[in-house]
Full PDB file with SEQRES, HELIX, SHEET, SSBOND, CRYST1, ORIGX, SCALE, CONECT and MASTER records, all heavy atoms in Angstrom:
SEQRES   1 A   32  ASP PRO ALA ALA ALA GLN THR TRP ILE THR ASP ALA ARG          
SEQRES   2 A   32  ARG ARG CYS ASP ARG VAL SER ASP ARG TYR VAL TRP VAL          
SEQRES   3 A   32  SER ALA TYR ILE ALA LEU                                      
HELIX    1 AA1 PRO A    2  CYS A   16  1                                  15    
HELIX    2 AA2 VAL A   24  ALA A   31  1                                   8    
CRYST1    1.000    1.000    1.000  90.00  90.00  90.00 P 1           1          
ORIGX1      1.000000  0.000000  0.000000        0.00000                         
ORIGX2      0.000000  1.000000  0.000000        0.00000                         
ORIGX3      0.000000  0.000000  1.000000        0.00000                         
SCALE1      1.000000  0.000000  0.000000        0.00000                         
SCALE2      0.000000  1.000000  0.000000        0.00000                         
SCALE3      0.000000  0.000000  1.000000        0.00000                         
ATOM      1  N   ASP A   1       0.848  -1.191   0.000  1.00  0.00           N  
ATOM      2  CA  ASP A   1       0.000   0.000   0.000  1.00  0.00           C  
ATOM      3  C   ASP A   1       0.884   1.243   0.000  1.00  0.00           C  
ATOM      4  O   ASP A   1       1.090   1.887   1.032  1.00  0.00           O  
ATOM      5  CB  ASP A   1      -0.908  -0.002   1.235  1.00  0.00           C  
ATOM      6  CG  ASP A   1      -2.030   1.036   1.138  1.00  0.00           C  
ATOM      7  OD1 ASP A   1      -1.893   1.949   0.309  1.00  0.00           O  
ATOM      8  OD2 ASP A   1      -3.010   0.930   1.896  1.00  0.00           O  
ATOM      9  N   PRO A   2       1.421   1.628  -1.169  1.00  0.00           N  
ATOM     10  CA  PRO A   2       2.331   2.783  -1.219  1.00  0.00           C  
ATOM     11  C   PRO A   2       1.670   4.093  -0.818  1.00  0.00           C  
ATOM     12  O   PRO A   2       2.332   4.987  -0.284  1.00  0.00           O  
ATOM     13  CB  PRO A   2       2.798   2.810  -2.675  1.00  0.00           C  
ATOM     14  CG  PRO A   2       1.777   2.027  -3.431  1.00  0.00           C  
ATOM     15  CD  PRO A   2       1.257   0.991  -2.487  1.00  0.00           C  
ATOM     16  N   ALA A   3       0.371   4.228  -1.078  1.00  0.00           N  
ATOM     17  CA  ALA A   3      -0.318   5.470  -0.691  1.00  0.00           C  
ATOM     18  C   ALA A   3      -0.338   5.615   0.826  1.00  0.00           C  
ATOM     19  O   ALA A   3      -0.074   6.704   1.370  1.00  0.00           O  
ATOM     20  CB  ALA A   3      -1.740   5.479  -1.250  1.00  0.00           C  
ATOM     21  N   ALA A   4      -0.658   4.527   1.534  1.00  0.00           N  
ATOM     22  CA  ALA A   4      -0.643   4.570   2.998  1.00  0.00           C  
ATOM     23  C   ALA A   4       0.770   4.807   3.515  1.00  0.00           C  
ATOM     24  O   ALA A   4       0.983   5.532   4.504  1.00  0.00           O  
ATOM     25  CB  ALA A   4      -1.206   3.278   3.575  1.00  0.00           C  
ATOM     26  N   ALA A   5       1.750   4.202   2.838  1.00  0.00           N  
ATOM     27  CA  ALA A   5       3.148   4.408   3.240  1.00  0.00           C  
ATOM     28  C   ALA A   5       3.524   5.878   3.139  1.00  0.00           C  
ATOM     29  O   ALA A   5       4.138   6.437   4.053  1.00  0.00           O  
ATOM     30  CB  ALA A   5       4.067   3.567   2.359  1.00  0.00           C  
ATOM     31  N   GLN A   6       3.139   6.528   2.037  1.00  0.00           N  
ATOM     32  CA  GLN A   6       3.463   7.935   1.861  1.00  0.00           C  
ATOM     33  C   GLN A   6       2.770   8.798   2.919  1.00  0.00           C  
ATOM     34  O   GLN A   6       3.351   9.756   3.441  1.00  0.00           O  
ATOM     35  CB  GLN A   6       3.051   8.402   0.463  1.00  0.00           C  
ATOM     36  CG  GLN A   6       3.483   9.819   0.135  1.00  0.00           C  
ATOM     37  CD  GLN A   6       4.993   9.959   0.118  1.00  0.00           C  
ATOM     38  OE1 GLN A   6       5.672   9.380  -0.728  1.00  0.00           O  
ATOM     39  NE2 GLN A   6       5.541  10.723   1.062  1.00  0.00           N  
ATOM     40  N   THR A   7       1.534   8.438   3.254  1.00  0.00           N  
ATOM     41  CA  THR A   7       0.814   9.184   4.285  1.00  0.00           C  
ATOM     42  C   THR A   7       1.544   9.108   5.619  1.00  0.00           C  
ATOM     43  O   THR A   7       1.702  10.109   6.318  1.00  0.00           O  
ATOM     44  CB  THR A   7      -0.617   8.639   4.427  1.00  0.00           C  
ATOM     45  OG1 THR A   7      -1.315   8.808   3.188  1.00  0.00           O  
ATOM     46  CG2 THR A   7      -1.373   9.365   5.527  1.00  0.00           C  
ATOM     47  N   TRP A   8       2.001   7.908   5.960  1.00  0.00           N  
ATOM     48  CA  TRP A   8       2.723   7.730   7.217  1.00  0.00           C  
ATOM     49  C   TRP A   8       4.046   8.513   7.220  1.00  0.00           C  
ATOM     50  O   TRP A   8       4.396   9.170   8.219  1.00  0.00           O  
ATOM     51  CB  TRP A   8       3.015   6.256   7.470  1.00  0.00           C  
ATOM     52  CG  TRP A   8       1.927   5.531   8.197  1.00  0.00           C  
ATOM     53  CD1 TRP A   8       1.079   4.586   7.692  1.00  0.00           C  
ATOM     54  CD2 TRP A   8       1.560   5.690   9.571  1.00  0.00           C  
ATOM     55  NE1 TRP A   8       0.210   4.152   8.664  1.00  0.00           N  
ATOM     56  CE2 TRP A   8       0.479   4.812   9.825  1.00  0.00           C  
ATOM     57  CE3 TRP A   8       2.027   6.491  10.609  1.00  0.00           C  
ATOM     58  CZ2 TRP A   8      -0.123   4.715  11.079  1.00  0.00           C  
ATOM     59  CZ3 TRP A   8       1.430   6.398  11.858  1.00  0.00           C  
ATOM     60  CH2 TRP A   8       0.361   5.514  12.082  1.00  0.00           C  
ATOM     61  N   ILE A   9       4.789   8.452   6.118  1.00  0.00           N  
ATOM     62  CA  ILE A   9       6.091   9.133   6.069  1.00  0.00           C  
ATOM     63  C   ILE A   9       5.911  10.649   6.138  1.00  0.00           C  
ATOM     64  O   ILE A   9       6.645  11.349   6.849  1.00  0.00           O  
ATOM     65  CB  ILE A   9       6.856   8.731   4.796  1.00  0.00           C  
ATOM     66  CG1 ILE A   9       7.179   7.228   4.813  1.00  0.00           C  
ATOM     67  CG2 ILE A   9       8.130   9.550   4.659  1.00  0.00           C  
ATOM     68  CD1 ILE A   9       8.048   6.778   5.960  1.00  0.00           C  
ATOM     69  N   THR A  10       4.921  11.153   5.411  1.00  0.00           N  
ATOM     70  CA  THR A  10       4.651  12.592   5.454  1.00  0.00           C  
ATOM     71  C   THR A  10       4.271  13.031   6.861  1.00  0.00           C  
ATOM     72  O   THR A  10       4.725  14.066   7.372  1.00  0.00           O  
ATOM     73  CB  THR A  10       3.538  12.958   4.462  1.00  0.00           C  
ATOM     74  OG1 THR A  10       3.938  12.566   3.147  1.00  0.00           O  
ATOM     75  CG2 THR A  10       3.245  14.447   4.488  1.00  0.00           C  
ATOM     76  N   ASP A  11       3.428  12.230   7.509  1.00  0.00           N  
ATOM     77  CA  ASP A  11       3.015  12.543   8.873  1.00  0.00           C  
ATOM     78  C   ASP A  11       4.187  12.440   9.840  1.00  0.00           C  
ATOM     79  O   ASP A  11       4.316  13.242  10.778  1.00  0.00           O  
ATOM     80  CB  ASP A  11       1.891  11.596   9.303  1.00  0.00           C  
ATOM     81  CG  ASP A  11       1.373  11.908  10.698  1.00  0.00           C  
ATOM     82  OD1 ASP A  11       0.807  13.009  10.877  1.00  0.00           O  
ATOM     83  OD2 ASP A  11       1.537  11.067  11.602  1.00  0.00           O  
ATOM     84  N   ALA A  12       5.071  11.454   9.619  1.00  0.00           N  
ATOM     85  CA  ALA A  12       6.242  11.292  10.491  1.00  0.00           C  
ATOM     86  C   ALA A  12       7.145  12.519  10.419  1.00  0.00           C  
ATOM     87  O   ALA A  12       7.645  13.008  11.443  1.00  0.00           O  
ATOM     88  CB  ALA A  12       7.022  10.045  10.087  1.00  0.00           C  
ATOM     89  N   ARG A  13       7.315  13.031   9.206  1.00  0.00           N  
ATOM     90  CA  ARG A  13       8.168  14.222   9.060  1.00  0.00           C  
ATOM     91  C   ARG A  13       7.528  15.431   9.753  1.00  0.00           C  
ATOM     92  O   ARG A  13       8.219  16.214  10.421  1.00  0.00           O  
ATOM     93  CB  ARG A  13       8.395  14.505   7.581  1.00  0.00           C  
ATOM     94  CG  ARG A  13       9.422  15.599   7.345  1.00  0.00           C  
ATOM     95  CD  ARG A  13       9.711  15.780   5.866  1.00  0.00           C  
ATOM     96  NE  ARG A  13      10.797  16.731   5.685  1.00  0.00           N  
ATOM     97  CZ  ARG A  13      12.084  16.424   5.677  1.00  0.00           C  
ATOM     98  NH1 ARG A  13      12.457  15.167   5.847  1.00  0.00           N  
ATOM     99  NH2 ARG A  13      13.013  17.336   5.504  1.00  0.00           N  
ATOM    100  N   ARG A  14       6.231  15.580   9.595  1.00  0.00           N  
ATOM    101  CA  ARG A  14       5.533  16.701  10.234  1.00  0.00           C  
ATOM    102  C   ARG A  14       5.671  16.616  11.752  1.00  0.00           C  
ATOM    103  O   ARG A  14       5.940  17.623  12.420  1.00  0.00           O  
ATOM    104  CB  ARG A  14       4.054  16.691   9.833  1.00  0.00           C  
ATOM    105  CG  ARG A  14       3.218  17.788  10.501  1.00  0.00           C  
ATOM    106  CD  ARG A  14       1.743  17.585  10.223  1.00  0.00           C  
ATOM    107  NE  ARG A  14       1.228  16.335  10.753  1.00  0.00           N  
ATOM    108  CZ  ARG A  14       0.924  16.142  12.037  1.00  0.00           C  
ATOM    109  NH1 ARG A  14       1.092  17.121  12.914  1.00  0.00           N  
ATOM    110  NH2 ARG A  14       0.457  14.972  12.446  1.00  0.00           N  
ATOM    111  N   ARG A  15       5.497  15.417  12.299  1.00  0.00           N  
ATOM    112  CA  ARG A  15       5.591  15.251  13.746  1.00  0.00           C  
ATOM    113  C   ARG A  15       7.005  15.548  14.250  1.00  0.00           C  
ATOM    114  O   ARG A  15       7.194  16.248  15.249  1.00  0.00           O  
ATOM    115  CB  ARG A  15       5.192  13.817  14.138  1.00  0.00           C  
ATOM    116  CG  ARG A  15       3.707  13.528  13.983  1.00  0.00           C  
ATOM    117  CD  ARG A  15       3.402  12.043  14.212  1.00  0.00           C  
ATOM    118  NE  ARG A  15       1.984  11.744  14.064  1.00  0.00           N  
ATOM    119  CZ  ARG A  15       1.085  11.858  15.031  1.00  0.00           C  
ATOM    120  NH1 ARG A  15       1.464  12.249  16.241  1.00  0.00           N  
ATOM    121  NH2 ARG A  15      -0.175  11.563  14.808  1.00  0.00           N  
ATOM    122  N   CYS A  16       7.992  15.018  13.574  1.00  0.00           N  
ATOM    123  CA  CYS A  16       9.375  15.201  14.016  1.00  0.00           C  
ATOM    124  C   CYS A  16       9.797  16.663  13.930  1.00  0.00           C  
ATOM    125  O   CYS A  16      10.463  17.183  14.840  1.00  0.00           O  
ATOM    126  CB  CYS A  16      10.301  14.338  13.157  1.00  0.00           C  
ATOM    127  SG  CYS A  16      12.055  14.554  13.522  1.00  0.00           S  
ATOM    128  N   ASP A  17       9.393  17.334  12.856  1.00  0.00           N  
ATOM    129  CA  ASP A  17       9.889  18.690  12.600  1.00  0.00           C  
ATOM    130  C   ASP A  17       9.029  19.787  13.224  1.00  0.00           C  
ATOM    131  O   ASP A  17       9.248  20.964  12.942  1.00  0.00           O  
ATOM    132  CB  ASP A  17       9.986  18.923  11.086  1.00  0.00           C  
ATOM    133  CG  ASP A  17      11.079  18.079  10.446  1.00  0.00           C  
ATOM    134  OD1 ASP A  17      11.815  17.409  11.187  1.00  0.00           O  
ATOM    135  OD2 ASP A  17      11.182  18.084   9.203  1.00  0.00           O  
ATOM    136  N   ARG A  18       8.098  19.408  14.081  1.00  0.00           N  
ATOM    137  CA  ARG A  18       7.225  20.442  14.647  1.00  0.00           C  
ATOM    138  C   ARG A  18       7.915  21.262  15.732  1.00  0.00           C  
ATOM    139  O   ARG A  18       7.368  22.271  16.191  1.00  0.00           O  
ATOM    140  CB  ARG A  18       5.936  19.826  15.198  1.00  0.00           C  
ATOM    141  CG  ARG A  18       6.070  19.002  16.472  1.00  0.00           C  
ATOM    142  CD  ARG A  18       4.691  18.523  16.935  1.00  0.00           C  
ATOM    143  NE  ARG A  18       4.715  17.805  18.186  1.00  0.00           N  
ATOM    144  CZ  ARG A  18       4.699  16.493  18.301  1.00  0.00           C  
ATOM    145  NH1 ARG A  18       4.679  15.743  17.203  1.00  0.00           N  
ATOM    146  NH2 ARG A  18       4.708  15.913  19.493  1.00  0.00           N  
ATOM    147  N   VAL A  19       9.101  20.867  16.154  1.00  0.00           N  
ATOM    148  CA  VAL A  19       9.869  21.650  17.124  1.00  0.00           C  
ATOM    149  C   VAL A  19      11.194  22.048  16.484  1.00  0.00           C  
ATOM    150  O   VAL A  19      11.739  21.325  15.645  1.00  0.00           O  
ATOM    151  CB  VAL A  19      10.124  20.869  18.431  1.00  0.00           C  
ATOM    152  CG1 VAL A  19       8.840  20.684  19.205  1.00  0.00           C  
ATOM    153  CG2 VAL A  19      10.785  19.533  18.144  1.00  0.00           C  
ATOM    154  N   SER A  20      11.705  23.202  16.875  1.00  0.00           N  
ATOM    155  CA  SER A  20      12.936  23.699  16.262  1.00  0.00           C  
ATOM    156  C   SER A  20      14.162  22.927  16.729  1.00  0.00           C  
ATOM    157  O   SER A  20      15.175  22.877  16.023  1.00  0.00           O  
ATOM    158  CB  SER A  20      13.114  25.190  16.585  1.00  0.00           C  
ATOM    159  OG  SER A  20      13.191  25.392  17.987  1.00  0.00           O  
ATOM    160  N   ASP A  21      14.110  22.321  17.924  1.00  0.00           N  
ATOM    161  CA  ASP A  21      15.269  21.591  18.437  1.00  0.00           C  
ATOM    162  C   ASP A  21      15.110  20.082  18.241  1.00  0.00           C  
ATOM    163  O   ASP A  21      15.487  19.289  19.091  1.00  0.00           O  
ATOM    164  CB  ASP A  21      15.506  21.925  19.908  1.00  0.00           C  
ATOM    165  CG  ASP A  21      14.296  21.620  20.792  1.00  0.00           C  
ATOM    166  OD1 ASP A  21      13.258  21.191  20.252  1.00  0.00           O  
ATOM    167  OD2 ASP A  21      14.391  21.808  22.019  1.00  0.00           O  
ATOM    168  N   ARG A  22      14.553  19.718  17.108  1.00  0.00           N  
ATOM    169  CA  ARG A  22      14.405  18.297  16.781  1.00  0.00           C  
ATOM    170  C   ARG A  22      15.778  17.627  16.675  1.00  0.00           C  
ATOM    171  O   ARG A  22      16.800  18.292  16.459  1.00  0.00           O  
ATOM    172  CB  ARG A  22      13.672  18.144  15.449  1.00  0.00           C  
ATOM    173  CG  ARG A  22      14.411  18.790  14.276  1.00  0.00           C  
ATOM    174  CD  ARG A  22      13.561  18.809  13.031  1.00  0.00           C  
ATOM    175  NE  ARG A  22      14.138  19.639  11.991  1.00  0.00           N  
ATOM    176  CZ  ARG A  22      13.964  20.947  11.885  1.00  0.00           C  
ATOM    177  NH1 ARG A  22      13.230  21.577  12.777  1.00  0.00           N  
ATOM    178  NH2 ARG A  22      14.513  21.623  10.892  1.00  0.00           N  
ATOM    179  N   TYR A  23      15.775  16.319  16.767  1.00  0.00           N  
ATOM    180  CA  TYR A  23      16.987  15.530  16.548  1.00  0.00           C  
ATOM    181  C   TYR A  23      17.192  15.436  15.040  1.00  0.00           C  
ATOM    182  O   TYR A  23      16.429  14.795  14.338  1.00  0.00           O  
ATOM    183  CB  TYR A  23      16.806  14.161  17.187  1.00  0.00           C  
ATOM    184  CG  TYR A  23      17.995  13.244  17.128  1.00  0.00           C  
ATOM    185  CD1 TYR A  23      19.272  13.685  16.788  1.00  0.00           C  
ATOM    186  CD2 TYR A  23      17.849  11.885  17.433  1.00  0.00           C  
ATOM    187  CE1 TYR A  23      20.349  12.829  16.746  1.00  0.00           C  
ATOM    188  CE2 TYR A  23      18.918  11.010  17.403  1.00  0.00           C  
ATOM    189  CZ  TYR A  23      20.168  11.490  17.057  1.00  0.00           C  
ATOM    190  OH  TYR A  23      21.233  10.622  17.009  1.00  0.00           O  
ATOM    191  N   VAL A  24      18.237  16.087  14.531  1.00  0.00           N  
ATOM    192  CA  VAL A  24      18.382  16.222  13.080  1.00  0.00           C  
ATOM    193  C   VAL A  24      18.613  14.876  12.409  1.00  0.00           C  
ATOM    194  O   VAL A  24      18.245  14.682  11.249  1.00  0.00           O  
ATOM    195  CB  VAL A  24      19.507  17.217  12.724  1.00  0.00           C  
ATOM    196  CG1 VAL A  24      19.167  18.616  13.223  1.00  0.00           C  
ATOM    197  CG2 VAL A  24      20.854  16.755  13.264  1.00  0.00           C  
ATOM    198  N   TRP A  25      19.225  13.931  13.114  1.00  0.00           N  
ATOM    199  CA  TRP A  25      19.442  12.609  12.510  1.00  0.00           C  
ATOM    200  C   TRP A  25      18.106  11.942  12.208  1.00  0.00           C  
ATOM    201  O   TRP A  25      17.924  11.360  11.131  1.00  0.00           O  
ATOM    202  CB  TRP A  25      20.276  11.723  13.438  1.00  0.00           C  
ATOM    203  CG  TRP A  25      20.663  10.424  12.804  1.00  0.00           C  
ATOM    204  CD1 TRP A  25      21.802  10.145  12.104  1.00  0.00           C  
ATOM    205  CD2 TRP A  25      19.880   9.213  12.778  1.00  0.00           C  
ATOM    206  NE1 TRP A  25      21.784   8.843  11.638  1.00  0.00           N  
ATOM    207  CE2 TRP A  25      20.615   8.251  12.044  1.00  0.00           C  
ATOM    208  CE3 TRP A  25      18.650   8.854  13.299  1.00  0.00           C  
ATOM    209  CZ2 TRP A  25      20.148   6.955  11.828  1.00  0.00           C  
ATOM    210  CZ3 TRP A  25      18.181   7.558  13.075  1.00  0.00           C  
ATOM    211  CH2 TRP A  25      18.913   6.624  12.358  1.00  0.00           C  
ATOM    212  N   VAL A  26      17.163  12.004  13.137  1.00  0.00           N  
ATOM    213  CA  VAL A  26      15.853  11.390  12.910  1.00  0.00           C  
ATOM    214  C   VAL A  26      15.146  12.068  11.743  1.00  0.00           C  
ATOM    215  O   VAL A  26      14.542  11.411  10.889  1.00  0.00           O  
ATOM    216  CB  VAL A  26      14.991  11.446  14.187  1.00  0.00           C  
ATOM    217  CG1 VAL A  26      13.566  10.990  13.898  1.00  0.00           C  
ATOM    218  CG2 VAL A  26      15.603  10.580  15.282  1.00  0.00           C  
ATOM    219  N   SER A  27      15.224  13.387  11.679  1.00  0.00           N  
ATOM    220  CA  SER A  27      14.597  14.111  10.583  1.00  0.00           C  
ATOM    221  C   SER A  27      15.171  13.668   9.239  1.00  0.00           C  
ATOM    222  O   SER A  27      14.432  13.456   8.266  1.00  0.00           O  
ATOM    223  CB  SER A  27      14.786  15.621  10.775  1.00  0.00           C  
ATOM    224  OG  SER A  27      14.105  16.347   9.779  1.00  0.00           O  
ATOM    225  N   ALA A  28      16.486  13.501   9.168  1.00  0.00           N  
ATOM    226  CA  ALA A  28      17.120  13.045   7.930  1.00  0.00           C  
ATOM    227  C   ALA A  28      16.762  11.592   7.620  1.00  0.00           C  
ATOM    228  O   ALA A  28      16.590  11.215   6.452  1.00  0.00           O  
ATOM    229  CB  ALA A  28      18.635  13.207   8.029  1.00  0.00           C  
ATOM    230  N   TYR A  29      16.636  10.770   8.643  1.00  0.00           N  
ATOM    231  CA  TYR A  29      16.262   9.357   8.465  1.00  0.00           C  
ATOM    232  C   TYR A  29      14.873   9.256   7.827  1.00  0.00           C  
ATOM    233  O   TYR A  29      14.635   8.439   6.937  1.00  0.00           O  
ATOM    234  CB  TYR A  29      16.287   8.688   9.828  1.00  0.00           C  
ATOM    235  CG  TYR A  29      16.338   7.179   9.830  1.00  0.00           C  
ATOM    236  CD1 TYR A  29      17.134   6.474   8.945  1.00  0.00           C  
ATOM    237  CD2 TYR A  29      15.600   6.452  10.770  1.00  0.00           C  
ATOM    238  CE1 TYR A  29      17.197   5.087   8.978  1.00  0.00           C  
ATOM    239  CE2 TYR A  29      15.661   5.073  10.825  1.00  0.00           C  
ATOM    240  CZ  TYR A  29      16.459   4.395   9.921  1.00  0.00           C  
ATOM    241  OH  TYR A  29      16.509   3.020   9.970  1.00  0.00           O  
ATOM    242  N   ILE A  30      13.976  10.113   8.263  1.00  0.00           N  
ATOM    243  CA  ILE A  30      12.632  10.141   7.676  1.00  0.00           C  
ATOM    244  C   ILE A  30      12.703  10.669   6.243  1.00  0.00           C  
ATOM    245  O   ILE A  30      12.034  10.152   5.342  1.00  0.00           O  
ATOM    246  CB  ILE A  30      11.696  11.001   8.537  1.00  0.00           C  
ATOM    247  CG1 ILE A  30      11.539  10.385   9.929  1.00  0.00           C  
ATOM    248  CG2 ILE A  30      10.327  11.156   7.864  1.00  0.00           C  
ATOM    249  CD1 ILE A  30      10.876  11.299  10.938  1.00  0.00           C  
ATOM    250  N   ALA A  31      13.524  11.691   6.015  1.00  0.00           N  
ATOM    251  CA  ALA A  31      13.663  12.244   4.664  1.00  0.00           C  
ATOM    252  C   ALA A  31      14.226  11.206   3.702  1.00  0.00           C  
ATOM    253  O   ALA A  31      13.844  11.164   2.521  1.00  0.00           O  
ATOM    254  CB  ALA A  31      14.561  13.479   4.699  1.00  0.00           C  
ATOM    255  N   LEU A  32      15.135  10.349   4.183  1.00  0.00           N  
ATOM    256  CA  LEU A  32      15.662   9.277   3.328  1.00  0.00           C  
ATOM    257  C   LEU A  32      14.563   8.287   2.961  1.00  0.00           C  
ATOM    258  O   LEU A  32      14.476   7.831   1.817  1.00  0.00           O  
ATOM    259  CB  LEU A  32      16.808   8.555   4.037  1.00  0.00           C  
ATOM    260  CG  LEU A  32      17.406   7.359   3.291  1.00  0.00           C  
ATOM    261  CD1 LEU A  32      17.915   7.755   1.912  1.00  0.00           C  
ATOM    262  CD2 LEU A  32      18.514   6.709   4.118  1.00  0.00           C  
TER     263      LEU A  32                                                      
MASTER        0    0    0    2    0    0    0    6  262    1    0    3          
END                                                                             
């Protein structure tokens, strides 16, 4: 289900990046 996968990844990035002092490694891991 690639559509559901994309929804989850997009949401994961939004959740991680909602604070300015996020852990940059996690943000990059999601971007990969």
